[in-house]
């Protein structure tokens, strides 16, 4: 949500009127498609996708608030899009397993008495 939402906002800031709305609509559809795909492949449950979406929306709102007040300098959009496309190609199919790391951190914090689960 945050990464693709931030990319969508960066691209949308370079356009005006209906093009900006179209970029935001396509970005939102792409992001929603990711959430739906996680449900289809049974990688997450509905509550997990909903909570993840809420966390992503909150993080994106924190990013978007100061970002939307400024327009990007001209000519900087193409390198950003090229870098994003390159990363998407390089990381396609990679399994980062963040869930295991977050679970281990939660167990550590719970064992240290810092978090009540």
PDB file of N, CA and C in Angstrom:
ATOM      1  N   UNK A   1       0.825  -1.186   0.000  1.00  0.00           N
ATOM      2  CA  UNK A   1       0.000   0.000   0.000  1.00  0.00           C
ATOM      3  C   UNK A   1       0.873   1.255   0.000  1.00  0.00           C
ATOM      4  N   UNK A   2       1.829   1.304   0.915  1.00  0.00           N
ATOM      5  CA  UNK A   2       2.655   2.507   1.029  1.00  0.00           C
ATOM      6  C   UNK A   2       3.550   2.678  -0.189  1.00  0.00           C
ATOM      7  N   UNK A   3       4.240   1.634  -0.595  1.00  0.00           N
ATOM      8  CA  UNK A   3       5.202   1.767  -1.698  1.00  0.00           C
ATOM      9  C   UNK A   3       4.489   2.116  -2.996  1.00  0.00           C
ATOM     10  N   UNK A   4       3.517   1.306  -3.384  1.00  0.00           N
ATOM     11  CA  UNK A   4       2.828   1.573  -4.646  1.00  0.00           C
ATOM     12  C   UNK A   4       1.949   2.816  -4.552  1.00  0.00           C
ATOM     13  N   UNK A   5       1.433   3.119  -3.386  1.00  0.00           N
ATOM     14  CA  UNK A   5       0.677   4.356  -3.205  1.00  0.00           C
ATOM     15  C   UNK A   5       1.564   5.583  -3.348  1.00  0.00           C
ATOM     16  N   UNK A   6       2.774   5.520  -2.788  1.00  0.00           N
ATOM     17  CA  UNK A   6       3.707   6.637  -2.914  1.00  0.00           C
ATOM     18  C   UNK A   6       4.151   6.821  -4.363  1.00  0.00           C
ATOM     19  N   UNK A   7       4.385   5.714  -5.063  1.00  0.00           N
ATOM     20  CA  UNK A   7       4.737   5.808  -6.483  1.00  0.00           C
ATOM     21  C   UNK A   7       3.579   6.430  -7.258  1.00  0.00           C
ATOM     22  N   UNK A   8       2.362   6.008  -6.956  1.00  0.00           N
ATOM     23  CA  UNK A   8       1.184   6.566  -7.621  1.00  0.00           C
ATOM     24  C   UNK A   8       1.083   8.065  -7.381  1.00  0.00           C
ATOM     25  N   UNK A   9       1.293   8.500  -6.141  1.00  0.00           N
ATOM     26  CA  UNK A   9       1.231   9.931  -5.837  1.00  0.00           C
ATOM     27  C   UNK A   9       2.329  10.705  -6.550  1.00  0.00           C
ATOM     28  N   UNK A  10       3.525  10.130  -6.615  1.00  0.00           N
ATOM     29  CA  UNK A  10       4.629  10.805  -7.292  1.00  0.00           C
ATOM     30  C   UNK A  10       4.333  10.974  -8.781  1.00  0.00           C
ATOM     31  N   UNK A  11       3.769   9.951  -9.393  1.00  0.00           N
ATOM     32  CA  UNK A  11       3.421  10.035 -10.812  1.00  0.00           C
ATOM     33  C   UNK A  11       2.263  11.003 -11.005  1.00  0.00           C
ATOM     34  N   UNK A  12       1.239  10.907 -10.157  1.00  0.00           N
ATOM     35  CA  UNK A  12       0.053  11.766 -10.289  1.00  0.00           C
ATOM     36  C   UNK A  12       0.399  13.243 -10.113  1.00  0.00           C
ATOM     37  N   UNK A  13       1.394  13.538  -9.297  1.00  0.00           N
ATOM     38  CA  UNK A  13       1.773  14.938  -9.074  1.00  0.00           C
ATOM     39  C   UNK A  13       2.313  15.582 -10.340  1.00  0.00           C
ATOM     40  N   UNK A  14       2.773  14.786 -11.276  1.00  0.00           N
ATOM     41  CA  UNK A  14       3.297  15.325 -12.531  1.00  0.00           C
ATOM     42  C   UNK A  14       2.232  15.644 -13.552  1.00  0.00           C
ATOM     43  N   UNK A  15       0.983  15.332 -13.242  1.00  0.00           N
ATOM     44  CA  UNK A  15      -0.115  15.569 -14.178  1.00  0.00           C
ATOM     45  C   UNK A  15      -1.125  16.525 -13.542  1.00  0.00           C
ATOM     46  N   UNK A  16      -2.084  16.942 -14.345  1.00  0.00           N
ATOM     47  CA  UNK A  16      -3.149  17.783 -13.817  1.00  0.00           C
ATOM     48  C   UNK A  16      -4.497  17.266 -14.313  1.00  0.00           C
ATOM     49  N   UNK A  17      -5.539  17.751 -13.701  1.00  0.00           N
ATOM     50  CA  UNK A  17      -6.937  17.471 -14.057  1.00  0.00           C
ATOM     51  C   UNK A  17      -7.245  15.988 -14.172  1.00  0.00           C
ATOM     52  N   UNK A  18      -7.810  15.594 -15.314  1.00  0.00           N
ATOM     53  CA  UNK A  18      -8.317  14.236 -15.469  1.00  0.00           C
ATOM     54  C   UNK A  18      -7.187  13.217 -15.506  1.00  0.00           C
ATOM     55  N   UNK A  19      -6.012  13.614 -15.970  1.00  0.00           N
ATOM     56  CA  UNK A  19      -4.898  12.666 -16.015  1.00  0.00           C
ATOM     57  C   UNK A  19      -4.459  12.283 -14.605  1.00  0.00           C
ATOM     58  N   UNK A  20      -4.451  13.242 -13.710  1.00  0.00           N
ATOM     59  CA  UNK A  20      -4.099  12.955 -12.312  1.00  0.00           C
ATOM     60  C   UNK A  20      -5.095  11.973 -11.716  1.00  0.00           C
ATOM     61  N   UNK A  21      -6.374  12.210 -11.960  1.00  0.00           N
ATOM     62  CA  UNK A  21      -7.412  11.306 -11.456  1.00  0.00           C
ATOM     63  C   UNK A  21      -7.268   9.912 -12.059  1.00  0.00           C
ATOM     64  N   UNK A  22      -6.918   9.854 -13.343  1.00  0.00           N
ATOM     65  CA  UNK A  22      -6.749   8.549 -14.006  1.00  0.00           C
ATOM     66  C   UNK A  22      -5.566   7.787 -13.407  1.00  0.00           C
ATOM     67  N   UNK A  23      -4.461   8.487 -13.151  1.00  0.00           N
ATOM     68  CA  UNK A  23      -3.287   7.839 -12.553  1.00  0.00           C
ATOM     69  C   UNK A  23      -3.642   7.309 -11.167  1.00  0.00           C
ATOM     70  N   UNK A  24      -4.340   8.101 -10.379  1.00  0.00           N
ATOM     71  CA  UNK A  24      -4.723   7.672  -9.029  1.00  0.00           C
ATOM     72  C   UNK A  24      -5.680   6.481  -9.093  1.00  0.00           C
ATOM     73  N   UNK A  25      -6.626   6.487 -10.038  1.00  0.00           N
ATOM     74  CA  UNK A  25      -7.563   5.373 -10.175  1.00  0.00           C
ATOM     75  C   UNK A  25      -6.836   4.088 -10.578  1.00  0.00           C
ATOM     76  N   UNK A  26      -5.903   4.179 -11.511  1.00  0.00           N
ATOM     77  CA  UNK A  26      -5.146   2.994 -11.937  1.00  0.00           C
ATOM     78  C   UNK A  26      -4.279   2.483 -10.788  1.00  0.00           C
ATOM     79  N   UNK A  27      -3.629   3.403 -10.070  1.00  0.00           N
ATOM     80  CA  UNK A  27      -2.810   2.999  -8.926  1.00  0.00           C
ATOM     81  C   UNK A  27      -3.638   2.334  -7.841  1.00  0.00           C
ATOM     82  N   UNK A  28      -4.806   2.890  -7.553  1.00  0.00           N
ATOM     83  CA  UNK A  28      -5.681   2.310  -6.529  1.00  0.00           C
ATOM     84  C   UNK A  28      -6.168   0.925  -6.954  1.00  0.00           C
ATOM     85  N   UNK A  29      -6.488   0.766  -8.238  1.00  0.00           N
ATOM     86  CA  UNK A  29      -6.925  -0.544  -8.730  1.00  0.00           C
ATOM     87  C   UNK A  29      -5.793  -1.566  -8.624  1.00  0.00           C
ATOM     88  N   UNK A  30      -4.576  -1.147  -8.932  1.00  0.00           N
ATOM     89  CA  UNK A  30      -3.418  -2.035  -8.827  1.00  0.00           C
ATOM     90  C   UNK A  30      -3.207  -2.470  -7.377  1.00  0.00           C
ATOM     91  N   UNK A  31      -3.282  -1.517  -6.458  1.00  0.00           N
ATOM     92  CA  UNK A  31      -3.094  -1.806  -5.039  1.00  0.00           C
ATOM     93  C   UNK A  31      -4.197  -2.736  -4.530  1.00  0.00           C
ATOM     94  N   UNK A  32      -5.431  -2.463  -4.922  1.00  0.00           N
ATOM     95  CA  UNK A  32      -6.547  -3.333  -4.515  1.00  0.00           C
ATOM     96  C   UNK A  32      -6.360  -4.737  -5.090  1.00  0.00           C
ATOM     97  N   UNK A  33      -5.848  -4.812  -6.311  1.00  0.00           N
ATOM     98  CA  UNK A  33      -5.586  -6.107  -6.923  1.00  0.00           C
ATOM     99  C   UNK A  33      -4.576  -6.924  -6.141  1.00  0.00           C
ATOM    100  N   UNK A  34      -3.592  -6.256  -5.572  1.00  0.00           N
ATOM    101  CA  UNK A  34      -2.605  -6.961  -4.750  1.00  0.00           C
ATOM    102  C   UNK A  34      -3.286  -7.563  -3.519  1.00  0.00           C
ATOM    103  N   UNK A  35      -4.135  -6.771  -2.862  1.00  0.00           N
ATOM    104  CA  UNK A  35      -4.853  -7.283  -1.688  1.00  0.00           C
ATOM    105  C   UNK A  35      -5.742  -8.459  -2.031  1.00  0.00           C
ATOM    106  N   UNK A  36      -6.456  -8.360  -3.138  1.00  0.00           N
ATOM    107  CA  UNK A  36      -7.336  -9.453  -3.569  1.00  0.00           C
ATOM    108  C   UNK A  36      -6.505 -10.686  -3.915  1.00  0.00           C
ATOM    109  N   UNK A  37      -5.354 -10.476  -4.570  1.00  0.00           N
ATOM    110  CA  UNK A  37      -4.521 -11.624  -4.938  1.00  0.00           C
ATOM    111  C   UNK A  37      -4.013 -12.365  -3.704  1.00  0.00           C
ATOM    112  N   UNK A  38      -3.740 -11.640  -2.621  1.00  0.00           N
ATOM    113  CA  UNK A  38      -3.290 -12.282  -1.388  1.00  0.00           C
ATOM    114  C   UNK A  38      -4.381 -13.185  -0.818  1.00  0.00           C
ATOM    115  N   UNK A  39      -5.637 -12.789  -1.009  1.00  0.00           N
ATOM    116  CA  UNK A  39      -6.758 -13.619  -0.562  1.00  0.00           C
ATOM    117  C   UNK A  39      -6.934 -14.833  -1.477  1.00  0.00           C
ATOM    118  N   UNK A  40      -6.810 -14.622  -2.774  1.00  0.00           N
ATOM    119  CA  UNK A  40      -7.021 -15.704  -3.735  1.00  0.00           C
ATOM    120  C   UNK A  40      -6.009 -16.827  -3.546  1.00  0.00           C
ATOM    121  N   UNK A  41      -4.751 -16.473  -3.290  1.00  0.00           N
ATOM    122  CA  UNK A  41      -3.719 -17.508  -3.131  1.00  0.00           C
ATOM    123  C   UNK A  41      -3.629 -18.002  -1.686  1.00  0.00           C
ATOM    124  N   UNK A  42      -4.544 -17.543  -0.846  1.00  0.00           N
ATOM    125  CA  UNK A  42      -4.611 -17.937   0.565  1.00  0.00           C
ATOM    126  C   UNK A  42      -3.327 -17.618   1.330  1.00  0.00           C
ATOM    127  N   UNK A  43      -2.676 -16.500   0.949  1.00  0.00           N
ATOM    128  CA  UNK A  43      -1.480 -16.064   1.662  1.00  0.00           C
ATOM    129  C   UNK A  43      -1.861 -15.285   2.923  1.00  0.00           C
ATOM    130  N   UNK A  44      -3.050 -14.677   2.912  1.00  0.00           N
ATOM    131  CA  UNK A  44      -3.539 -13.919   4.067  1.00  0.00           C
ATOM    132  C   UNK A  44      -5.038 -14.106   4.187  1.00  0.00           C
ATOM    133  N   UNK A  45      -5.542 -13.853   5.394  1.00  0.00           N
ATOM    134  CA  UNK A  45      -6.984 -13.899   5.619  1.00  0.00           C
ATOM    135  C   UNK A  45      -7.564 -12.505   5.379  1.00  0.00           C
ATOM    136  N   UNK A  46      -8.891 -12.431   5.342  1.00  0.00           N
ATOM    137  CA  UNK A  46      -9.557 -11.137   5.150  1.00  0.00           C
ATOM    138  C   UNK A  46      -9.178 -10.149   6.250  1.00  0.00           C
ATOM    139  N   UNK A  47      -9.197 -10.540   7.535  1.00  0.00           N
ATOM    140  CA  UNK A  47      -8.787  -9.581   8.567  1.00  0.00           C
ATOM    141  C   UNK A  47      -7.331  -9.109   8.388  1.00  0.00           C
ATOM    142  N   UNK A  48      -6.446 -10.001   7.985  1.00  0.00           N
ATOM    143  CA  UNK A  48      -5.053  -9.602   7.777  1.00  0.00           C
ATOM    144  C   UNK A  48      -4.932  -8.585   6.653  1.00  0.00           C
ATOM    145  N   UNK A  49      -5.653  -8.803   5.560  1.00  0.00           N
ATOM    146  CA  UNK A  49      -5.614  -7.863   4.442  1.00  0.00           C
ATOM    147  C   UNK A  49      -6.216  -6.521   4.857  1.00  0.00           C
ATOM    148  N   UNK A  50      -7.309  -6.563   5.613  1.00  0.00           N
ATOM    149  CA  UNK A  50      -7.942  -5.312   6.052  1.00  0.00           C
ATOM    150  C   UNK A  50      -7.038  -4.528   6.998  1.00  0.00           C
ATOM    151  N   UNK A  51      -6.443  -5.210   7.960  1.00  0.00           N
ATOM    152  CA  UNK A  51      -5.547  -4.518   8.900  1.00  0.00           C
ATOM    153  C   UNK A  51      -4.318  -3.999   8.164  1.00  0.00           C
ATOM    154  N   UNK A  52      -3.759  -4.803   7.277  1.00  0.00           N
ATOM    155  CA  UNK A  52      -2.618  -4.359   6.488  1.00  0.00           C
ATOM    156  C   UNK A  52      -2.956  -3.150   5.631  1.00  0.00           C
ATOM    157  N   UNK A  53      -4.154  -3.154   5.073  1.00  0.00           N
ATOM    158  CA  UNK A  53      -4.599  -2.012   4.262  1.00  0.00           C
ATOM    159  C   UNK A  53      -4.744  -0.762   5.115  1.00  0.00           C
ATOM    160  N   UNK A  54      -5.305  -0.912   6.309  1.00  0.00           N
ATOM    161  CA  UNK A  54      -5.449   0.249   7.197  1.00  0.00           C
ATOM    162  C   UNK A  54      -4.101   0.811   7.614  1.00  0.00           C
ATOM    163  N   UNK A  55      -3.159  -0.069   7.923  1.00  0.00           N
ATOM    164  CA  UNK A  55      -1.810   0.391   8.282  1.00  0.00           C
ATOM    165  C   UNK A  55      -1.169   1.090   7.084  1.00  0.00           C
ATOM    166  N   UNK A  56      -1.319   0.506   5.900  1.00  0.00           N
ATOM    167  CA  UNK A  56      -0.765   1.110   4.697  1.00  0.00           C
ATOM    168  C   UNK A  56      -1.394   2.450   4.373  1.00  0.00           C
ATOM    169  N   UNK A  57      -2.703   2.552   4.540  1.00  0.00           N
ATOM    170  CA  UNK A  57      -3.391   3.820   4.287  1.00  0.00           C
ATOM    171  C   UNK A  57      -2.920   4.883   5.273  1.00  0.00           C
ATOM    172  N   UNK A  58      -2.764   4.511   6.529  1.00  0.00           N
ATOM    173  CA  UNK A  58      -2.288   5.472   7.529  1.00  0.00           C
ATOM    174  C   UNK A  58      -0.871   5.954   7.194  1.00  0.00           C
ATOM    175  N   UNK A  59       0.002   5.023   6.817  1.00  0.00           N
ATOM    176  CA  UNK A  59       1.370   5.404   6.453  1.00  0.00           C
ATOM    177  C   UNK A  59       1.373   6.263   5.194  1.00  0.00           C
ATOM    178  N   UNK A  60       0.538   5.919   4.234  1.00  0.00           N
ATOM    179  CA  UNK A  60       0.461   6.696   3.007  1.00  0.00           C
ATOM    180  C   UNK A  60      -0.083   8.098   3.275  1.00  0.00           C
ATOM    181  N   UNK A  61      -1.034   8.211   4.187  1.00  0.00           N
ATOM    182  CA  UNK A  61      -1.571   9.527   4.541  1.00  0.00           C
ATOM    183  C   UNK A  61      -0.487  10.402   5.160  1.00  0.00           C
ATOM    184  N   UNK A  62       0.363   9.811   6.001  1.00  0.00           N
ATOM    185  CA  UNK A  62       1.469  10.576   6.585  1.00  0.00           C
ATOM    186  C   UNK A  62       2.441  11.037   5.506  1.00  0.00           C
ATOM    187  N   UNK A  63       2.676  10.199   4.510  1.00  0.00           N
ATOM    188  CA  UNK A  63       3.551  10.564   3.406  1.00  0.00           C
ATOM    189  C   UNK A  63       2.896  11.601   2.508  1.00  0.00           C
ATOM    190  N   UNK A  64       1.615  11.413   2.210  1.00  0.00           N
ATOM    191  CA  UNK A  64       0.922  12.232   1.222  1.00  0.00           C
ATOM    192  C   UNK A  64       0.687  13.658   1.693  1.00  0.00           C
ATOM    193  N   UNK A  65       0.499  13.836   2.963  1.00  0.00           N
ATOM    194  CA  UNK A  65       0.148  15.168   3.462  1.00  0.00           C
ATOM    195  C   UNK A  65       1.180  16.222   3.073  1.00  0.00           C
ATOM    196  N   UNK A  66       2.451  16.062   3.408  1.00  0.00           N
ATOM    197  CA  UNK A  66       3.408  17.091   2.980  1.00  0.00           C
ATOM    198  C   UNK A  66       3.743  16.997   1.484  1.00  0.00           C
ATOM    199  N   UNK A  67       3.654  15.791   0.910  1.00  0.00           N
ATOM    200  CA  UNK A  67       4.036  15.598  -0.478  1.00  0.00           C
ATOM    201  C   UNK A  67       3.095  16.303  -1.431  1.00  0.00           C
ATOM    202  N   UNK A  68       1.796  16.259  -1.168  1.00  0.00           N
ATOM    203  CA  UNK A  68       0.814  16.817  -2.089  1.00  0.00           C
ATOM    204  C   UNK A  68       0.864  18.334  -2.155  1.00  0.00           C
ATOM    205  N   UNK A  69       1.469  18.954  -1.174  1.00  0.00           N
ATOM    206  CA  UNK A  69       1.575  20.412  -1.189  1.00  0.00           C
ATOM    207  C   UNK A  69       2.642  20.937  -2.126  1.00  0.00           C
ATOM    208  N   UNK A  70       3.488  20.075  -2.638  1.00  0.00           N
ATOM    209  CA  UNK A  70       4.592  20.490  -3.501  1.00  0.00           C
ATOM    210  C   UNK A  70       4.499  19.785  -4.838  1.00  0.00           C
ATOM    211  N   UNK A  71       4.841  20.505  -5.888  1.00  0.00           N
ATOM    212  CA  UNK A  71       4.893  19.853  -7.197  1.00  0.00           C
ATOM    213  C   UNK A  71       6.335  19.435  -7.464  1.00  0.00           C
ATOM    214  N   UNK A  72       6.513  18.311  -8.133  1.00  0.00           N
ATOM    215  CA  UNK A  72       7.866  17.826  -8.380  1.00  0.00           C
ATOM    216  C   UNK A  72       8.586  18.703  -9.397  1.00  0.00           C
ATOM    217  N   UNK A  73       9.906  18.755  -9.327  1.00  0.00           N
ATOM    218  CA  UNK A  73      10.631  19.517 -10.343  1.00  0.00           C
ATOM    219  C   UNK A  73      10.458  18.869 -11.709  1.00  0.00           C
ATOM    220  N   UNK A  74      10.410  19.655 -12.764  1.00  0.00           N
ATOM    221  CA  UNK A  74      10.185  19.070 -14.089  1.00  0.00           C
ATOM    222  C   UNK A  74      11.346  18.163 -14.512  1.00  0.00           C
ATOM    223  N   UNK A  75      11.004  17.104 -15.239  1.00  0.00           N
ATOM    224  CA  UNK A  75      12.022  16.226 -15.783  1.00  0.00           C
ATOM    225  C   UNK A  75      12.526  15.146 -14.854  1.00  0.00           C
ATOM    226  N   UNK A  76      11.987  15.033 -13.667  1.00  0.00           N
ATOM    227  CA  UNK A  76      12.480  14.042 -12.715  1.00  0.00           C
ATOM    228  C   UNK A  76      11.629  12.784 -12.645  1.00  0.00           C
ATOM    229  N   UNK A  77      10.548  12.734 -13.372  1.00  0.00           N
ATOM    230  CA  UNK A  77       9.626  11.609 -13.272  1.00  0.00           C
ATOM    231  C   UNK A  77      10.148  10.369 -13.993  1.00  0.00           C
ATOM    232  N   UNK A  78      10.759  10.532 -15.130  1.00  0.00           N
ATOM    233  CA  UNK A  78      11.224   9.368 -15.902  1.00  0.00           C
ATOM    234  C   UNK A  78      12.275   8.544 -15.161  1.00  0.00           C
ATOM    235  N   UNK A  79      13.299   9.162 -14.542  1.00  0.00           N
ATOM    236  CA  UNK A  79      14.259   8.329 -13.794  1.00  0.00           C
ATOM    237  C   UNK A  79      13.606   7.589 -12.622  1.00  0.00           C
ATOM    238  N   UNK A  80      12.646   8.223 -11.959  1.00  0.00           N
ATOM    239  CA  UNK A  80      11.941   7.570 -10.862  1.00  0.00           C
ATOM    240  C   UNK A  80      11.177   6.354 -11.367  1.00  0.00           C
ATOM    241  N   UNK A  81      10.456   6.520 -12.458  1.00  0.00           N
ATOM    242  CA  UNK A  81       9.695   5.404 -13.019  1.00  0.00           C
ATOM    243  C   UNK A  81      10.622   4.295 -13.511  1.00  0.00           C
ATOM    244  N   UNK A  82      11.756   4.669 -14.104  1.00  0.00           N
ATOM    245  CA  UNK A  82      12.714   3.663 -14.576  1.00  0.00           C
ATOM    246  C   UNK A  82      13.280   2.874 -13.401  1.00  0.00           C
ATOM    247  N   UNK A  83      13.618   3.566 -12.303  1.00  0.00           N
ATOM    248  CA  UNK A  83      14.152   2.880 -11.117  1.00  0.00           C
ATOM    249  C   UNK A  83      13.102   1.955 -10.511  1.00  0.00           C
ATOM    250  N   UNK A  84      11.862   2.408 -10.437  1.00  0.00           N
ATOM    251  CA  UNK A  84      10.779   1.565  -9.899  1.00  0.00           C
ATOM    252  C   UNK A  84      10.562   0.337 -10.774  1.00  0.00           C
ATOM    253  N   UNK A  85      10.552   0.528 -12.088  1.00  0.00           N
ATOM    254  CA  UNK A  85      10.367  -0.608 -12.995  1.00  0.00           C
ATOM    255  C   UNK A  85      11.517  -1.601 -12.866  1.00  0.00           C
ATOM    256  N   UNK A  86      12.743  -1.094 -12.755  1.00  0.00           N
ATOM    257  CA  UNK A  86      13.903  -1.975 -12.611  1.00  0.00           C
ATOM    258  C   UNK A  86      13.808  -2.794 -11.321  1.00  0.00           C
ATOM    259  N   UNK A  87      13.439  -2.145 -10.226  1.00  0.00           N
ATOM    260  CA  UNK A  87      13.285  -2.868  -8.956  1.00  0.00           C
ATOM    261  C   UNK A  87      12.171  -3.909  -9.035  1.00  0.00           C
ATOM    262  N   UNK A  88      11.083  -3.573  -9.698  1.00  0.00           N
ATOM    263  CA  UNK A  88       9.983  -4.534  -9.827  1.00  0.00           C
ATOM    264  C   UNK A  88      10.426  -5.761 -10.618  1.00  0.00           C
ATOM    265  N   UNK A  89      11.208  -5.542 -11.658  1.00  0.00           N
ATOM    266  CA  UNK A  89      11.696  -6.669 -12.465  1.00  0.00           C
ATOM    267  C   UNK A  89      12.689  -7.502 -11.665  1.00  0.00           C
ATOM    268  N   UNK A  90      13.623  -6.831 -10.979  1.00  0.00           N
ATOM    269  CA  UNK A  90      14.646  -7.555 -10.221  1.00  0.00           C
ATOM    270  C   UNK A  90      14.071  -8.337  -9.045  1.00  0.00           C
ATOM    271  N   UNK A  91      13.051  -7.792  -8.395  1.00  0.00           N
ATOM    272  CA  UNK A  91      12.495  -8.427  -7.204  1.00  0.00           C
ATOM    273  C   UNK A  91      11.283  -9.309  -7.496  1.00  0.00           C
ATOM    274  N   UNK A  92      10.869  -9.396  -8.752  1.00  0.00           N
ATOM    275  CA  UNK A  92       9.691 -10.198  -9.100  1.00  0.00           C
ATOM    276  C   UNK A  92       9.914 -11.662  -8.710  1.00  0.00           C
ATOM    277  N   UNK A  93       8.976 -12.188  -7.967  1.00  0.00           N
ATOM    278  CA  UNK A  93       9.043 -13.590  -7.561  1.00  0.00           C
ATOM    279  C   UNK A  93       9.869 -13.839  -6.318  1.00  0.00           C
ATOM    280  N   UNK A  94      10.484 -12.815  -5.761  1.00  0.00           N
ATOM    281  CA  UNK A  94      11.284 -12.986  -4.548  1.00  0.00           C
ATOM    282  C   UNK A  94      10.359 -13.050  -3.338  1.00  0.00           C
ATOM    283  N   UNK A  95      10.661 -13.926  -2.437  1.00  0.00           N
ATOM    284  CA  UNK A  95       9.881 -14.097  -1.216  1.00  0.00           C
ATOM    285  C   UNK A  95      10.688 -13.511  -0.068  1.00  0.00           C
ATOM    286  N   UNK A  96      10.276 -12.352   0.430  1.00  0.00           N
ATOM    287  CA  UNK A  96      11.063 -11.653   1.447  1.00  0.00           C
ATOM    288  C   UNK A  96      10.793 -12.150   2.864  1.00  0.00           C
ATOM    289  N   UNK A  97       9.702 -12.829   3.086  1.00  0.00           N
ATOM    290  CA  UNK A  97       9.358 -13.456   4.372  1.00  0.00           C
ATOM    291  C   UNK A  97       9.413 -12.478   5.542  1.00  0.00           C
ATOM    292  N   UNK A  98       8.843 -11.320   5.394  1.00  0.00           N
ATOM    293  CA  UNK A  98       8.801 -10.339   6.469  1.00  0.00           C
ATOM    294  C   UNK A  98       7.953 -10.831   7.637  1.00  0.00           C
ATOM    295  N   UNK A  99       6.965 -11.680   7.356  1.00  0.00           N
ATOM    296  CA  UNK A  99       6.083 -12.160   8.418  1.00  0.00           C
ATOM    297  C   UNK A  99       6.864 -12.936   9.474  1.00  0.00           C
ATOM    298  N   UNK A 100       7.817 -13.765   9.046  1.00  0.00           N
ATOM    299  CA  UNK A 100       8.610 -14.534   9.996  1.00  0.00           C
ATOM    300  C   UNK A 100       9.438 -13.613  10.897  1.00  0.00           C
ATOM    301  N   UNK A 101      10.036 -12.590  10.291  1.00  0.00           N
ATOM    302  CA  UNK A 101      10.840 -11.650  11.061  1.00  0.00           C
ATOM    303  C   UNK A 101       9.966 -10.879  12.063  1.00  0.00           C
ATOM    304  N   UNK A 102       8.806 -10.415  11.624  1.00  0.00           N
ATOM    305  CA  UNK A 102       7.917  -9.676  12.520  1.00  0.00           C
ATOM    306  C   UNK A 102       7.401 -10.566  13.649  1.00  0.00           C
ATOM    307  N   UNK A 103       7.135 -11.827  13.351  1.00  0.00           N
ATOM    308  CA  UNK A 103       6.695 -12.764  14.378  1.00  0.00           C
ATOM    309  C   UNK A 103       7.798 -12.962  15.418  1.00  0.00           C
ATOM    310  N   UNK A 104       9.036 -13.103  14.968  1.00  0.00           N
ATOM    311  CA  UNK A 104      10.163 -13.267  15.895  1.00  0.00           C
ATOM    312  C   UNK A 104      10.353 -12.026  16.763  1.00  0.00           C
ATOM    313  N   UNK A 105      10.202 -10.860  16.183  1.00  0.00           N
ATOM    314  CA  UNK A 105      10.319  -9.617  16.965  1.00  0.00           C
ATOM    315  C   UNK A 105       9.206  -9.542  18.005  1.00  0.00           C
ATOM    316  N   UNK A 106       7.981  -9.918  17.600  1.00  0.00           N
ATOM    317  CA  UNK A 106       6.865  -9.921  18.549  1.00  0.00           C
ATOM    318  C   UNK A 106       7.087 -10.880  19.694  1.00  0.00           C
ATOM    319  N   UNK A 107       7.605 -12.068  19.401  1.00  0.00           N
ATOM    320  CA  UNK A 107       7.909 -13.035  20.465  1.00  0.00           C
ATOM    321  C   UNK A 107       8.987 -12.506  21.400  1.00  0.00           C
ATOM    322  N   UNK A 108       9.996 -11.861  20.845  1.00  0.00           N
ATOM    323  CA  UNK A 108      11.073 -11.297  21.672  1.00  0.00           C
ATOM    324  C   UNK A 108      10.521 -10.206  22.586  1.00  0.00           C
ATOM    325  N   UNK A 109       9.743  -9.294  22.022  1.00  0.00           N
ATOM    326  CA  UNK A 109       9.191  -8.199  22.823  1.00  0.00           C
ATOM    327  C   UNK A 109       8.226  -8.714  23.879  1.00  0.00           C
ATOM    328  N   UNK A 110       7.453  -9.739  23.542  1.00  0.00           N
ATOM    329  CA  UNK A 110       6.532 -10.323  24.510  1.00  0.00           C
ATOM    330  C   UNK A 110       7.314 -10.994  25.633  1.00  0.00           C
ATOM    331  N   UNK A 111       8.389 -11.720  25.293  1.00  0.00           N
ATOM    332  CA  UNK A 111       9.222 -12.390  26.296  1.00  0.00           C
ATOM    333  C   UNK A 111       9.943 -11.406  27.184  1.00  0.00           C
ATOM    334  N   UNK A 112      10.258 -10.229  26.647  1.00  0.00           N
ATOM    335  CA  UNK A 112      10.946  -9.201  27.436  1.00  0.00           C
ATOM    336  C   UNK A 112       9.969  -8.389  28.276  1.00  0.00           C
ATOM    337  N   UNK A 113       8.683  -8.687  28.170  1.00  0.00           N
ATOM    338  CA  UNK A 113       7.680  -7.973  28.961  1.00  0.00           C
ATOM    339  C   UNK A 113       7.356  -6.600  28.418  1.00  0.00           C
ATOM    340  N   UNK A 114       7.737  -6.339  27.183  1.00  0.00           N
ATOM    341  CA  UNK A 114       7.515  -5.017  26.604  1.00  0.00           C
ATOM    342  C   UNK A 114       6.151  -4.905  25.915  1.00  0.00           C
ATOM    343  N   UNK A 115       5.567  -6.054  25.542  1.00  0.00           N
ATOM    344  CA  UNK A 115       4.293  -6.066  24.826  1.00  0.00           C
ATOM    345  C   UNK A 115       3.424  -7.144  25.439  1.00  0.00           C
ATOM    346  N   UNK A 116       2.159  -6.838  25.596  1.00  0.00           N
ATOM    347  CA  UNK A 116       1.199  -7.839  26.078  1.00  0.00           C
ATOM    348  C   UNK A 116       0.390  -8.312  24.876  1.00  0.00           C
ATOM    349  N   UNK A 117       0.492  -9.597  24.545  1.00  0.00           N
ATOM    350  CA  UNK A 117      -0.247 -10.139  23.395  1.00  0.00           C
ATOM    351  C   UNK A 117      -1.497 -10.843  23.865  1.00  0.00           C
TER     352      UNK A 117
END
